Each structure stands twice: as structure tokens, then as C-alpha cells.
């Protein structure tokens, strides 16, 4: 049985190293669904209790926390990223410095369940 889109999102997000971030759109593009950035957000919002997915490493395309920065969710996300060494300059993360390059082609194919070289 094929994994759901949400399961594939979780698999990709687990690959983001500590101290780096990816964007919702980047995750969607990796999964071959470039218009599904909001669905990536819903997947992360729907994580079950006790999960092991580092959801806090996914930010919006401006390098900011998408959760209401004034609420507890945004503060938690920012604190978790800062604990990993990510610096917020004027409320933003420099994606050129902290952005994850993403998986190489072979790893991307494996994440998508494709045959090597296919």
C-alpha cells in the first residue's frame, strides 16, 4: 500500500538536519506536488501526539514562522530553532545561511518510492 501524502511529508521533514530549515513549498516540490505547500502545512498541523517529526524546521518562503508569532506556537517554534543554532535576524531566518539544500536525486527518488535510475 502506498504511503499517504502526509506520510511522505513526514518522511521528508525527518531528513532536515538540526540547525537547518526548509520551506513548505520546498517540501511540496520535493514530493512532486509544487502547488501543495498548504497541504504540507496541514500535514504538519495534523501530527499526532508523541510524534518524532521535527515540524519546527519548516518555515514559510519569507523565512518566518507561519504560526502566529505572538501566540505560544510561534514562540515554541522559534525557541526550538534557536536551540539548534538558527538565528532570526529582524524576525526572519536567512534561508541562504540556514536553508536545507534538500535530498539529492537518488535520495529524493527513494523518498518517493521510485526505483533507482527510474
PDB file of N, CA and C in Angstrom:
ATOM      1  N   UNK A   1       0.848  -1.190   0.000  1.00  0.00           N
ATOM      2  CA  UNK A   1       0.000   0.000   0.000  1.00  0.00           C
ATOM      3  C   UNK A   1       0.889   1.248   0.000  1.00  0.00           C
ATOM      4  N   UNK A   2       0.558   2.204  -0.811  1.00  0.00           N
ATOM      5  CA  UNK A   2       1.342   3.432  -0.922  1.00  0.00           C
ATOM      6  C   UNK A   2       1.129   4.327   0.300  1.00  0.00           C
ATOM      7  N   UNK A   3       2.166   5.061   0.653  1.00  0.00           N
ATOM      8  CA  UNK A   3       2.060   6.000   1.758  1.00  0.00           C
ATOM      9  C   UNK A   3       1.162   7.163   1.361  1.00  0.00           C
ATOM     10  N   UNK A   4       0.496   7.742   2.337  1.00  0.00           N
ATOM     11  CA  UNK A   4      -0.304   8.931   2.086  1.00  0.00           C
ATOM     12  C   UNK A   4       0.624  10.129   1.861  1.00  0.00           C
ATOM     13  N   UNK A   5       0.087  11.194   1.312  1.00  0.00           N
ATOM     14  CA  UNK A   5       0.875  12.408   1.122  1.00  0.00           C
ATOM     15  C   UNK A   5       1.410  12.894   2.464  1.00  0.00           C
ATOM     16  N   UNK A   6       0.585  12.836   3.511  1.00  0.00           N
ATOM     17  CA  UNK A   6       1.028  13.268   4.832  1.00  0.00           C
ATOM     18  C   UNK A   6       2.223  12.437   5.286  1.00  0.00           C
ATOM     19  N   UNK A   7       2.159  11.108   5.096  1.00  0.00           N
ATOM     20  CA  UNK A   7       3.280  10.237   5.480  1.00  0.00           C
ATOM     21  C   UNK A   7       4.552  10.617   4.736  1.00  0.00           C
ATOM     22  N   UNK A   8       4.412  10.957   3.449  1.00  0.00           N
ATOM     23  CA  UNK A   8       5.589  11.352   2.666  1.00  0.00           C
ATOM     24  C   UNK A   8       6.148  12.677   3.176  1.00  0.00           C
ATOM     25  N   UNK A   9       5.273  13.613   3.561  1.00  0.00           N
ATOM     26  CA  UNK A   9       5.726  14.882   4.153  1.00  0.00           C
ATOM     27  C   UNK A   9       6.558  14.582   5.393  1.00  0.00           C
ATOM     28  N   UNK A  10       6.046  13.720   6.249  1.00  0.00           N
ATOM     29  CA  UNK A  10       6.758  13.406   7.494  1.00  0.00           C
ATOM     30  C   UNK A  10       8.118  12.777   7.203  1.00  0.00           C
ATOM     31  N   UNK A  11       8.171  11.908   6.202  1.00  0.00           N
ATOM     32  CA  UNK A  11       9.438  11.259   5.847  1.00  0.00           C
ATOM     33  C   UNK A  11      10.467  12.299   5.400  1.00  0.00           C
ATOM     34  N   UNK A  12      10.049  13.267   4.589  1.00  0.00           N
ATOM     35  CA  UNK A  12      10.971  14.304   4.116  1.00  0.00           C
ATOM     36  C   UNK A  12      11.398  15.209   5.266  1.00  0.00           C
ATOM     37  N   UNK A  13      10.456  15.643   6.083  1.00  0.00           N
ATOM     38  CA  UNK A  13      10.769  16.573   7.175  1.00  0.00           C
ATOM     39  C   UNK A  13      11.735  15.929   8.172  1.00  0.00           C
ATOM     40  N   UNK A  14      11.625  14.633   8.364  1.00  0.00           N
ATOM     41  CA  UNK A  14      12.570  13.944   9.261  1.00  0.00           C
ATOM     42  C   UNK A  14      14.008  14.030   8.752  1.00  0.00           C
ATOM     43  N   UNK A  15      14.190  14.300   7.472  1.00  0.00           N
ATOM     44  CA  UNK A  15      15.526  14.383   6.876  1.00  0.00           C
ATOM     45  C   UNK A  15      16.192  15.743   7.072  1.00  0.00           C
ATOM     46  N   UNK A  16      15.437  16.763   7.456  1.00  0.00           N
ATOM     47  CA  UNK A  16      16.002  18.102   7.622  1.00  0.00           C
ATOM     48  C   UNK A  16      16.922  18.074   8.839  1.00  0.00           C
ATOM     49  N   UNK A  17      18.201  18.384   8.643  1.00  0.00           N
ATOM     50  CA  UNK A  17      19.145  18.331   9.774  1.00  0.00           C
ATOM     51  C   UNK A  17      18.876  19.429  10.803  1.00  0.00           C
ATOM     52  N   UNK A  18      19.244  19.155  12.033  1.00  0.00           N
ATOM     53  CA  UNK A  18      19.164  20.169  13.084  1.00  0.00           C
ATOM     54  C   UNK A  18      19.980  21.382  12.651  1.00  0.00           C
ATOM     55  N   UNK A  19      19.452  22.564  12.923  1.00  0.00           N
ATOM     56  CA  UNK A  19      20.150  23.795  12.571  1.00  0.00           C
ATOM     57  C   UNK A  19      19.885  24.268  11.153  1.00  0.00           C
ATOM     58  N   UNK A  20      19.012  23.565  10.451  1.00  0.00           N
ATOM     59  CA  UNK A  20      18.629  23.965   9.091  1.00  0.00           C
ATOM     60  C   UNK A  20      17.109  23.997   9.008  1.00  0.00           C
ATOM     61  N   UNK A  21      16.607  24.718   8.004  1.00  0.00           N
ATOM     62  CA  UNK A  21      15.165  24.807   7.785  1.00  0.00           C
ATOM     63  C   UNK A  21      14.849  24.565   6.316  1.00  0.00           C
ATOM     64  N   UNK A  22      13.615  24.185   6.076  1.00  0.00           N
ATOM     65  CA  UNK A  22      13.073  24.067   4.721  1.00  0.00           C
ATOM     66  C   UNK A  22      11.774  24.862   4.696  1.00  0.00           C
ATOM     67  N   UNK A  23      11.300  25.167   3.513  1.00  0.00           N
ATOM     68  CA  UNK A  23      10.025  25.869   3.401  1.00  0.00           C
ATOM     69  C   UNK A  23       8.924  24.866   3.048  1.00  0.00           C
ATOM     70  N   UNK A  24       7.684  25.276   3.302  1.00  0.00           N
ATOM     71  CA  UNK A  24       6.541  24.438   2.949  1.00  0.00           C
ATOM     72  C   UNK A  24       6.562  24.130   1.450  1.00  0.00           C
ATOM     73  N   UNK A  25       6.831  25.147   0.651  1.00  0.00           N
ATOM     74  CA  UNK A  25       6.877  24.959  -0.794  1.00  0.00           C
ATOM     75  C   UNK A  25       7.998  24.034  -1.224  1.00  0.00           C
ATOM     76  N   UNK A  26       9.131  24.113  -0.562  1.00  0.00           N
ATOM     77  CA  UNK A  26      10.260  23.242  -0.882  1.00  0.00           C
ATOM     78  C   UNK A  26       9.883  21.779  -0.631  1.00  0.00           C
ATOM     79  N   UNK A  27       9.222  21.509   0.491  1.00  0.00           N
ATOM     80  CA  UNK A  27       8.799  20.145   0.796  1.00  0.00           C
ATOM     81  C   UNK A  27       7.820  19.668  -0.279  1.00  0.00           C
ATOM     82  N   UNK A  28       6.890  20.522  -0.655  1.00  0.00           N
ATOM     83  CA  UNK A  28       5.919  20.159  -1.695  1.00  0.00           C
ATOM     84  C   UNK A  28       6.626  19.844  -3.016  1.00  0.00           C
ATOM     85  N   UNK A  29       7.611  20.658  -3.397  1.00  0.00           N
ATOM     86  CA  UNK A  29       8.343  20.412  -4.652  1.00  0.00           C
ATOM     87  C   UNK A  29       9.118  19.108  -4.593  1.00  0.00           C
ATOM     88  N   UNK A  30       9.745  18.817  -3.467  1.00  0.00           N
ATOM     89  CA  UNK A  30      10.477  17.561  -3.303  1.00  0.00           C
ATOM     90  C   UNK A  30       9.540  16.381  -3.540  1.00  0.00           C
ATOM     91  N   UNK A  31       8.294  16.527  -3.113  1.00  0.00           N
ATOM     92  CA  UNK A  31       7.319  15.448  -3.246  1.00  0.00           C
ATOM     93  C   UNK A  31       6.620  15.448  -4.606  1.00  0.00           C
ATOM     94  N   UNK A  32       7.063  16.325  -5.508  1.00  0.00           N
ATOM     95  CA  UNK A  32       6.475  16.346  -6.847  1.00  0.00           C
ATOM     96  C   UNK A  32       5.115  17.002  -6.913  1.00  0.00           C
ATOM     97  N   UNK A  33       4.790  17.808  -5.915  1.00  0.00           N
ATOM     98  CA  UNK A  33       3.497  18.486  -5.849  1.00  0.00           C
ATOM     99  C   UNK A  33       3.726  19.967  -5.553  1.00  0.00           C
ATOM    100  N   UNK A  34       4.299  20.712  -6.512  1.00  0.00           N
ATOM    101  CA  UNK A  34       4.739  22.091  -6.241  1.00  0.00           C
ATOM    102  C   UNK A  34       3.647  23.049  -5.783  1.00  0.00           C
ATOM    103  N   UNK A  35       2.391  22.715  -5.988  1.00  0.00           N
ATOM    104  CA  UNK A  35       1.310  23.613  -5.566  1.00  0.00           C
ATOM    105  C   UNK A  35       0.692  23.186  -4.229  1.00  0.00           C
ATOM    106  N   UNK A  36       1.354  22.274  -3.524  1.00  0.00           N
ATOM    107  CA  UNK A  36       0.773  21.697  -2.309  1.00  0.00           C
ATOM    108  C   UNK A  36       1.398  22.218  -1.013  1.00  0.00           C
ATOM    109  N   UNK A  37       1.937  23.432  -1.025  1.00  0.00           N
ATOM    110  CA  UNK A  37       2.568  23.972   0.193  1.00  0.00           C
ATOM    111  C   UNK A  37       1.578  24.024   1.353  1.00  0.00           C
ATOM    112  N   UNK A  38       0.349  24.413   1.101  1.00  0.00           N
ATOM    113  CA  UNK A  38      -0.648  24.469   2.181  1.00  0.00           C
ATOM    114  C   UNK A  38      -0.956  23.076   2.722  1.00  0.00           C
ATOM    115  N   UNK A  39      -0.953  22.096   1.846  1.00  0.00           N
ATOM    116  CA  UNK A  39      -1.196  20.724   2.288  1.00  0.00           C
ATOM    117  C   UNK A  39      -0.049  20.242   3.175  1.00  0.00           C
ATOM    118  N   UNK A  40       1.173  20.663   2.863  1.00  0.00           N
ATOM    119  CA  UNK A  40       2.307  20.355   3.727  1.00  0.00           C
ATOM    120  C   UNK A  40       2.051  20.952   5.114  1.00  0.00           C
ATOM    121  N   UNK A  41       1.577  22.177   5.145  1.00  0.00           N
ATOM    122  CA  UNK A  41       1.244  22.811   6.419  1.00  0.00           C
ATOM    123  C   UNK A  41       0.173  22.047   7.183  1.00  0.00           C
ATOM    124  N   UNK A  42      -0.843  21.590   6.474  1.00  0.00           N
ATOM    125  CA  UNK A  42      -1.899  20.810   7.130  1.00  0.00           C
ATOM    126  C   UNK A  42      -1.344  19.500   7.676  1.00  0.00           C
ATOM    127  N   UNK A  43      -0.454  18.877   6.913  1.00  0.00           N
ATOM    128  CA  UNK A  43       0.153  17.622   7.377  1.00  0.00           C
ATOM    129  C   UNK A  43       0.882  17.854   8.702  1.00  0.00           C
ATOM    130  N   UNK A  44       1.648  18.927   8.767  1.00  0.00           N
ATOM    131  CA  UNK A  44       2.406  19.213   9.990  1.00  0.00           C
ATOM    132  C   UNK A  44       1.471  19.604  11.135  1.00  0.00           C
ATOM    133  N   UNK A  45       0.413  20.325  10.803  1.00  0.00           N
ATOM    134  CA  UNK A  45      -0.568  20.718  11.815  1.00  0.00           C
ATOM    135  C   UNK A  45      -1.298  19.493  12.379  1.00  0.00           C
ATOM    136  N   UNK A  46      -1.386  18.441  11.574  1.00  0.00           N
ATOM    137  CA  UNK A  46      -2.145  17.238  11.945  1.00  0.00           C
ATOM    138  C   UNK A  46      -1.304  16.164  12.621  1.00  0.00           C
ATOM    139  N   UNK A  47      -0.066  16.478  12.960  1.00  0.00           N
ATOM    140  CA  UNK A  47       0.794  15.475  13.584  1.00  0.00           C
ATOM    141  C   UNK A  47       0.161  14.928  14.861  1.00  0.00           C
ATOM    142  N   UNK A  48       0.238  13.613  15.044  1.00  0.00           N
ATOM    143  CA  UNK A  48      -0.319  13.027  16.268  1.00  0.00           C
ATOM    144  C   UNK A  48       0.569  13.313  17.476  1.00  0.00           C
ATOM    145  N   UNK A  49      -0.016  13.215  18.620  1.00  0.00           N
ATOM    146  CA  UNK A  49       0.712  13.386  19.882  1.00  0.00           C
ATOM    147  C   UNK A  49       1.864  12.378  19.948  1.00  0.00           C
ATOM    148  N   UNK A  50       3.017  12.800  20.438  1.00  0.00           N
ATOM    149  CA  UNK A  50       4.151  11.901  20.629  1.00  0.00           C
ATOM    150  C   UNK A  50       4.914  11.556  19.362  1.00  0.00           C
ATOM    151  N   UNK A  51       4.751  12.330  18.313  1.00  0.00           N
ATOM    152  CA  UNK A  51       5.436  12.081  17.040  1.00  0.00           C
ATOM    153  C   UNK A  51       6.923  12.417  17.146  1.00  0.00           C
ATOM    154  N   UNK A  52       7.684  12.007  16.117  1.00  0.00           N
ATOM    155  CA  UNK A  52       9.124  12.299  16.092  1.00  0.00           C
ATOM    156  C   UNK A  52       9.505  13.199  14.910  1.00  0.00           C
ATOM    157  N   UNK A  53       8.546  13.906  14.361  1.00  0.00           N
ATOM    158  CA  UNK A  53       8.780  14.752  13.189  1.00  0.00           C
ATOM    159  C   UNK A  53       9.215  16.146  13.651  1.00  0.00           C
ATOM    160  N   UNK A  54      10.370  16.630  13.190  1.00  0.00           N
ATOM    161  CA  UNK A  54      10.838  17.960  13.597  1.00  0.00           C
ATOM    162  C   UNK A  54      10.116  19.080  12.827  1.00  0.00           C
ATOM    163  N   UNK A  55       8.831  19.207  13.068  1.00  0.00           N
ATOM    164  CA  UNK A  55       7.965  20.161  12.379  1.00  0.00           C
ATOM    165  C   UNK A  55       8.493  21.586  12.448  1.00  0.00           C
ATOM    166  N   UNK A  56       9.195  21.896  13.523  1.00  0.00           N
ATOM    167  CA  UNK A  56       9.669  23.267  13.746  1.00  0.00           C
ATOM    168  C   UNK A  56      10.696  23.702  12.700  1.00  0.00           C
ATOM    169  N   UNK A  57      11.254  22.767  11.943  1.00  0.00           N
ATOM    170  CA  UNK A  57      12.259  23.094  10.927  1.00  0.00           C
ATOM    171  C   UNK A  57      11.638  23.505   9.588  1.00  0.00           C
ATOM    172  N   UNK A  58      10.331  23.653   9.540  1.00  0.00           N
ATOM    173  CA  UNK A  58       9.659  24.077   8.310  1.00  0.00           C
ATOM    174  C   UNK A  58       9.071  25.465   8.545  1.00  0.00           C
ATOM    175  N   UNK A  59       9.456  26.388   7.669  1.00  0.00           N
ATOM    176  CA  UNK A  59       9.033  27.795   7.778  1.00  0.00           C
ATOM    177  C   UNK A  59       8.457  28.242   6.434  1.00  0.00           C
ATOM    178  N   UNK A  60       7.952  29.454   6.397  1.00  0.00           N
ATOM    179  CA  UNK A  60       7.399  29.930   5.133  1.00  0.00           C
ATOM    180  C   UNK A  60       8.503  30.468   4.211  1.00  0.00           C
ATOM    181  N   UNK A  61       8.121  30.824   3.015  1.00  0.00           N
ATOM    182  CA  UNK A  61       9.100  31.228   1.991  1.00  0.00           C
ATOM    183  C   UNK A  61       9.823  32.527   2.319  1.00  0.00           C
ATOM    184  N   UNK A  62       9.322  33.287   3.280  1.00  0.00           N
ATOM    185  CA  UNK A  62       9.990  34.528   3.708  1.00  0.00           C
ATOM    186  C   UNK A  62      11.000  34.257   4.819  1.00  0.00           C
ATOM    187  N   UNK A  63      11.070  32.996   5.271  1.00  0.00           N
ATOM    188  CA  UNK A  63      11.988  32.665   6.358  1.00  0.00           C
ATOM    189  C   UNK A  63      11.430  33.031   7.715  1.00  0.00           C
ATOM    190  N   UNK A  64      10.120  33.112   7.809  1.00  0.00           N
ATOM    191  CA  UNK A  64       9.491  33.429   9.089  1.00  0.00           C
ATOM    192  C   UNK A  64       8.620  32.270   9.545  1.00  0.00           C
ATOM    193  N   UNK A  65       8.318  32.287  10.817  1.00  0.00           N
ATOM    194  CA  UNK A  65       7.435  31.292  11.411  1.00  0.00           C
ATOM    195  C   UNK A  65       6.019  31.600  10.947  1.00  0.00           C
ATOM    196  N   UNK A  66       5.319  30.597  10.440  1.00  0.00           N
ATOM    197  CA  UNK A  66       3.956  30.827   9.960  1.00  0.00           C
ATOM    198  C   UNK A  66       2.922  30.816  11.072  1.00  0.00           C
ATOM    199  N   UNK A  67       3.246  30.140  12.161  1.00  0.00           N
ATOM    200  CA  UNK A  67       2.340  30.176  13.303  1.00  0.00           C
ATOM    201  C   UNK A  67       2.282  31.609  13.802  1.00  0.00           C
ATOM    202  N   UNK A  68       1.185  31.983  14.404  1.00  0.00           N
ATOM    203  CA  UNK A  68       1.065  33.336  14.940  1.00  0.00           C
ATOM    204  C   UNK A  68       2.235  33.594  15.892  1.00  0.00           C
ATOM    205  N   UNK A  69       3.149  34.423  15.457  1.00  0.00           N
ATOM    206  CA  UNK A  69       4.374  34.676  16.223  1.00  0.00           C
ATOM    207  C   UNK A  69       4.080  35.215  17.616  1.00  0.00           C
ATOM    208  N   UNK A  70       2.906  35.787  17.816  1.00  0.00           N
ATOM    209  CA  UNK A  70       2.561  36.310  19.132  1.00  0.00           C
ATOM    210  C   UNK A  70       1.986  35.233  20.045  1.00  0.00           C
ATOM    211  N   UNK A  71       1.575  34.118  19.451  1.00  0.00           N
ATOM    212  CA  UNK A  71       0.974  33.043  20.238  1.00  0.00           C
ATOM    213  C   UNK A  71       2.008  32.039  20.689  1.00  0.00           C
ATOM    214  N   UNK A  72       1.567  31.047  21.476  1.00  0.00           N
ATOM    215  CA  UNK A  72       2.510  30.076  22.014  1.00  0.00           C
ATOM    216  C   UNK A  72       3.157  29.195  20.939  1.00  0.00           C
ATOM    217  N   UNK A  73       2.449  28.872  19.866  1.00  0.00           N
ATOM    218  CA  UNK A  73       3.025  28.016  18.822  1.00  0.00           C
ATOM    219  C   UNK A  73       4.228  28.642  18.157  1.00  0.00           C
ATOM    220  N   UNK A  74       4.118  29.912  17.815  1.00  0.00           N
ATOM    221  CA  UNK A  74       5.230  30.612  17.178  1.00  0.00           C
ATOM    222  C   UNK A  74       6.423  30.748  18.092  1.00  0.00           C
ATOM    223  N   UNK A  75       6.153  31.002  19.353  1.00  0.00           N
ATOM    224  CA  UNK A  75       7.240  31.136  20.330  1.00  0.00           C
ATOM    225  C   UNK A  75       7.949  29.802  20.523  1.00  0.00           C
ATOM    226  N   UNK A  76       7.191  28.719  20.537  1.00  0.00           N
ATOM    227  CA  UNK A  76       7.784  27.386  20.690  1.00  0.00           C
ATOM    228  C   UNK A  76       8.653  27.070  19.477  1.00  0.00           C
ATOM    229  N   UNK A  77       8.128  27.326  18.282  1.00  0.00           N
ATOM    230  CA  UNK A  77       8.894  27.035  17.071  1.00  0.00           C
ATOM    231  C   UNK A  77      10.181  27.840  17.045  1.00  0.00           C
ATOM    232  N   UNK A  78      10.094  29.102  17.335  1.00  0.00           N
ATOM    233  CA  UNK A  78      11.288  29.944  17.328  1.00  0.00           C
ATOM    234  C   UNK A  78      12.297  29.460  18.374  1.00  0.00           C
ATOM    235  N   UNK A  79      11.830  29.133  19.559  1.00  0.00           N
ATOM    236  CA  UNK A  79      12.730  28.663  20.618  1.00  0.00           C
ATOM    237  C   UNK A  79      13.423  27.367  20.206  1.00  0.00           C
ATOM    238  N   UNK A  80      12.686  26.451  19.618  1.00  0.00           N
ATOM    239  CA  UNK A  80      13.284  25.183  19.182  1.00  0.00           C
ATOM    240  C   UNK A  80      14.356  25.424  18.122  1.00  0.00           C
ATOM    241  N   UNK A  81      14.084  26.320  17.186  1.00  0.00           N
ATOM    242  CA  UNK A  81      15.071  26.628  16.144  1.00  0.00           C
ATOM    243  C   UNK A  81      16.293  27.323  16.737  1.00  0.00           C
ATOM    244  N   UNK A  82      16.069  28.254  17.641  1.00  0.00           N
ATOM    245  CA  UNK A  82      17.198  28.946  18.265  1.00  0.00           C
ATOM    246  C   UNK A  82      18.054  27.978  19.076  1.00  0.00           C
ATOM    247  N   UNK A  83      17.425  26.989  19.718  1.00  0.00           N
ATOM    248  CA  UNK A  83      18.191  25.968  20.449  1.00  0.00           C
ATOM    249  C   UNK A  83      19.115  25.190  19.511  1.00  0.00           C
ATOM    250  N   UNK A  84      18.725  25.084  18.247  1.00  0.00           N
ATOM    251  CA  UNK A  84      19.533  24.380  17.252  1.00  0.00           C
ATOM    252  C   UNK A  84      20.552  25.300  16.585  1.00  0.00           C
ATOM    253  N   UNK A  85      20.595  26.561  16.999  1.00  0.00           N
ATOM    254  CA  UNK A  85      21.570  27.493  16.452  1.00  0.00           C
ATOM    255  C   UNK A  85      21.084  28.348  15.302  1.00  0.00           C
ATOM    256  N   UNK A  86      19.807  28.263  14.968  1.00  0.00           N
ATOM    257  CA  UNK A  86      19.253  29.090  13.891  1.00  0.00           C
ATOM    258  C   UNK A  86      19.056  30.502  14.429  1.00  0.00           C
ATOM    259  N   UNK A  87      19.531  31.480  13.670  1.00  0.00           N
ATOM    260  CA  UNK A  87      19.460  32.886  14.084  1.00  0.00           C
ATOM    261  C   UNK A  87      18.346  33.595  13.316  1.00  0.00           C
ATOM    262  N   UNK A  88      17.548  34.347  14.055  1.00  0.00           N
ATOM    263  CA  UNK A  88      16.498  35.173  13.463  1.00  0.00           C
ATOM    264  C   UNK A  88      17.025  36.595  13.400  1.00  0.00           C
ATOM    265  N   UNK A  89      17.215  37.115  12.209  1.00  0.00           N
ATOM    266  CA  UNK A  89      17.622  38.500  12.040  1.00  0.00           C
ATOM    267  C   UNK A  89      16.407  39.318  11.654  1.00  0.00           C
ATOM    268  N   UNK A  90      16.002  40.245  12.504  1.00  0.00           N
ATOM    269  CA  UNK A  90      14.814  41.056  12.271  1.00  0.00           C
ATOM    270  C   UNK A  90      13.585  40.181  12.049  1.00  0.00           C
ATOM    271  N   UNK A  91      13.480  39.085  12.828  1.00  0.00           N
ATOM    272  CA  UNK A  91      12.316  38.213  12.768  1.00  0.00           C
ATOM    273  C   UNK A  91      12.328  37.187  11.651  1.00  0.00           C
ATOM    274  N   UNK A  92      13.391  37.175  10.858  1.00  0.00           N
ATOM    275  CA  UNK A  92      13.489  36.252   9.731  1.00  0.00           C
ATOM    276  C   UNK A  92      14.735  35.393   9.832  1.00  0.00           C
ATOM    277  N   UNK A  93      14.642  34.242   9.195  1.00  0.00           N
ATOM    278  CA  UNK A  93      15.788  33.348   9.073  1.00  0.00           C
ATOM    279  C   UNK A  93      16.384  33.574   7.694  1.00  0.00           C
ATOM    280  N   UNK A  94      17.681  33.709   7.610  1.00  0.00           N
ATOM    281  CA  UNK A  94      18.348  33.841   6.318  1.00  0.00           C
ATOM    282  C   UNK A  94      18.390  32.449   5.679  1.00  0.00           C
ATOM    283  N   UNK A  95      17.530  32.238   4.697  1.00  0.00           N
ATOM    284  CA  UNK A  95      17.433  30.926   4.060  1.00  0.00           C
ATOM    285  C   UNK A  95      18.703  30.562   3.291  1.00  0.00           C
ATOM    286  N   UNK A  96      19.492  31.565   2.908  1.00  0.00           N
ATOM    287  CA  UNK A  96      20.758  31.273   2.233  1.00  0.00           C
ATOM    288  C   UNK A  96      21.773  30.687   3.210  1.00  0.00           C
ATOM    289  N   UNK A  97      21.622  31.012   4.479  1.00  0.00           N
ATOM    290  CA  UNK A  97      22.529  30.510   5.509  1.00  0.00           C
ATOM    291  C   UNK A  97      21.995  29.225   6.135  1.00  0.00           C
ATOM    292  N   UNK A  98      20.722  29.206   6.490  1.00  0.00           N
ATOM    293  CA  UNK A  98      20.147  28.098   7.250  1.00  0.00           C
ATOM    294  C   UNK A  98      19.244  27.181   6.425  1.00  0.00           C
ATOM    295  N   UNK A  99      19.053  27.498   5.152  1.00  0.00           N
ATOM    296  CA  UNK A  99      18.181  26.686   4.310  1.00  0.00           C
ATOM    297  C   UNK A  99      18.787  25.332   3.982  1.00  0.00           C
ATOM    298  N   UNK A 100      17.974  24.322   4.055  1.00  0.00           N
ATOM    299  CA  UNK A 100      18.372  22.952   3.717  1.00  0.00           C
ATOM    300  C   UNK A 100      18.411  22.808   2.208  1.00  0.00           C
ATOM    301  N   UNK A 101      19.477  22.227   1.693  1.00  0.00           N
ATOM    302  CA  UNK A 101      19.601  22.034   0.244  1.00  0.00           C
ATOM    303  C   UNK A 101      18.622  20.983  -0.259  1.00  0.00           C
ATOM    304  N   UNK A 102      18.140  20.136   0.610  1.00  0.00           N
ATOM    305  CA  UNK A 102      17.218  19.085   0.208  1.00  0.00           C
ATOM    306  C   UNK A 102      17.959  17.818  -0.157  1.00  0.00           C
ATOM    307  N   UNK A 103      17.210  16.776  -0.445  1.00  0.00           N
ATOM    308  CA  UNK A 103      17.839  15.499  -0.772  1.00  0.00           C
ATOM    309  C   UNK A 103      18.453  15.530  -2.169  1.00  0.00           C
ATOM    310  N   UNK A 104      19.485  14.694  -2.385  1.00  0.00           N
ATOM    311  CA  UNK A 104      19.993  14.564  -3.753  1.00  0.00           C
ATOM    312  C   UNK A 104      18.983  13.735  -4.546  1.00  0.00           C
ATOM    313  N   UNK A 105      19.206  13.596  -5.839  1.00  0.00           N
ATOM    314  CA  UNK A 105      18.231  12.944  -6.705  1.00  0.00           C
ATOM    315  C   UNK A 105      17.953  11.504  -6.277  1.00  0.00           C
ATOM    316  N   UNK A 106      18.983  10.759  -5.927  1.00  0.00           N
ATOM    317  CA  UNK A 106      18.789   9.366  -5.525  1.00  0.00           C
ATOM    318  C   UNK A 106      17.964   9.282  -4.247  1.00  0.00           C
ATOM    319  N   UNK A 107      18.273  10.155  -3.289  1.00  0.00           N
ATOM    320  CA  UNK A 107      17.526  10.150  -2.037  1.00  0.00           C
ATOM    321  C   UNK A 107      16.082  10.586  -2.278  1.00  0.00           C
ATOM    322  N   UNK A 108      15.885  11.572  -3.163  1.00  0.00           N
ATOM    323  CA  UNK A 108      14.532  12.030  -3.469  1.00  0.00           C
ATOM    324  C   UNK A 108      13.720  10.897  -4.084  1.00  0.00           C
ATOM    325  N   UNK A 109      14.322  10.157  -4.989  1.00  0.00           N
ATOM    326  CA  UNK A 109      13.620   9.015  -5.598  1.00  0.00           C
ATOM    327  C   UNK A 109      13.264   7.978  -4.541  1.00  0.00           C
ATOM    328  N   UNK A 110      14.183   7.735  -3.627  1.00  0.00           N
ATOM    329  CA  UNK A 110      13.916   6.766  -2.554  1.00  0.00           C
ATOM    330  C   UNK A 110      12.773   7.263  -1.671  1.00  0.00           C
ATOM    331  N   UNK A 111      12.764   8.559  -1.366  1.00  0.00           N
ATOM    332  CA  UNK A 111      11.691   9.126  -0.541  1.00  0.00           C
ATOM    333  C   UNK A 111      10.340   8.965  -1.222  1.00  0.00           C
ATOM    334  N   UNK A 112      10.335   9.040  -2.541  1.00  0.00           N
ATOM    335  CA  UNK A 112       9.098   8.926  -3.307  1.00  0.00           C
ATOM    336  C   UNK A 112       8.756   7.481  -3.647  1.00  0.00           C
ATOM    337  N   UNK A 113       9.641   6.562  -3.271  1.00  0.00           N
ATOM    338  CA  UNK A 113       9.384   5.151  -3.558  1.00  0.00           C
ATOM    339  C   UNK A 113       9.638   4.765  -4.994  1.00  0.00           C
ATOM    340  N   UNK A 114      10.472   5.537  -5.714  1.00  0.00           N
ATOM    341  CA  UNK A 114      10.773   5.242  -7.100  1.00  0.00           C
ATOM    342  C   UNK A 114      11.994   4.333  -7.180  1.00  0.00           C
ATOM    343  N   UNK A 115      12.061   3.578  -8.253  1.00  0.00           N
ATOM    344  CA  UNK A 115      13.223   2.708  -8.486  1.00  0.00           C
ATOM    345  C   UNK A 115      14.428   3.562  -8.817  1.00  0.00           C
ATOM    346  N   UNK A 116      15.633   3.163  -8.382  1.00  0.00           N
ATOM    347  CA  UNK A 116      16.855   3.908  -8.721  1.00  0.00           C
ATOM    348  C   UNK A 116      17.010   4.027 -10.231  1.00  0.00           C
ATOM    349  N   UNK A 117      17.388   5.223 -10.663  1.00  0.00           N
ATOM    350  CA  UNK A 117      17.609   5.464 -12.097  1.00  0.00           C
ATOM    351  C   UNK A 117      16.337   5.518 -12.909  1.00  0.00           C
ATOM    352  N   UNK A 118      15.170   5.375 -12.232  1.00  0.00           N
ATOM    353  CA  UNK A 118      13.888   5.303 -12.940  1.00  0.00           C
ATOM    354  C   UNK A 118      13.369   6.616 -13.206  1.00  0.00           C
TER     355      UNK A 118
END
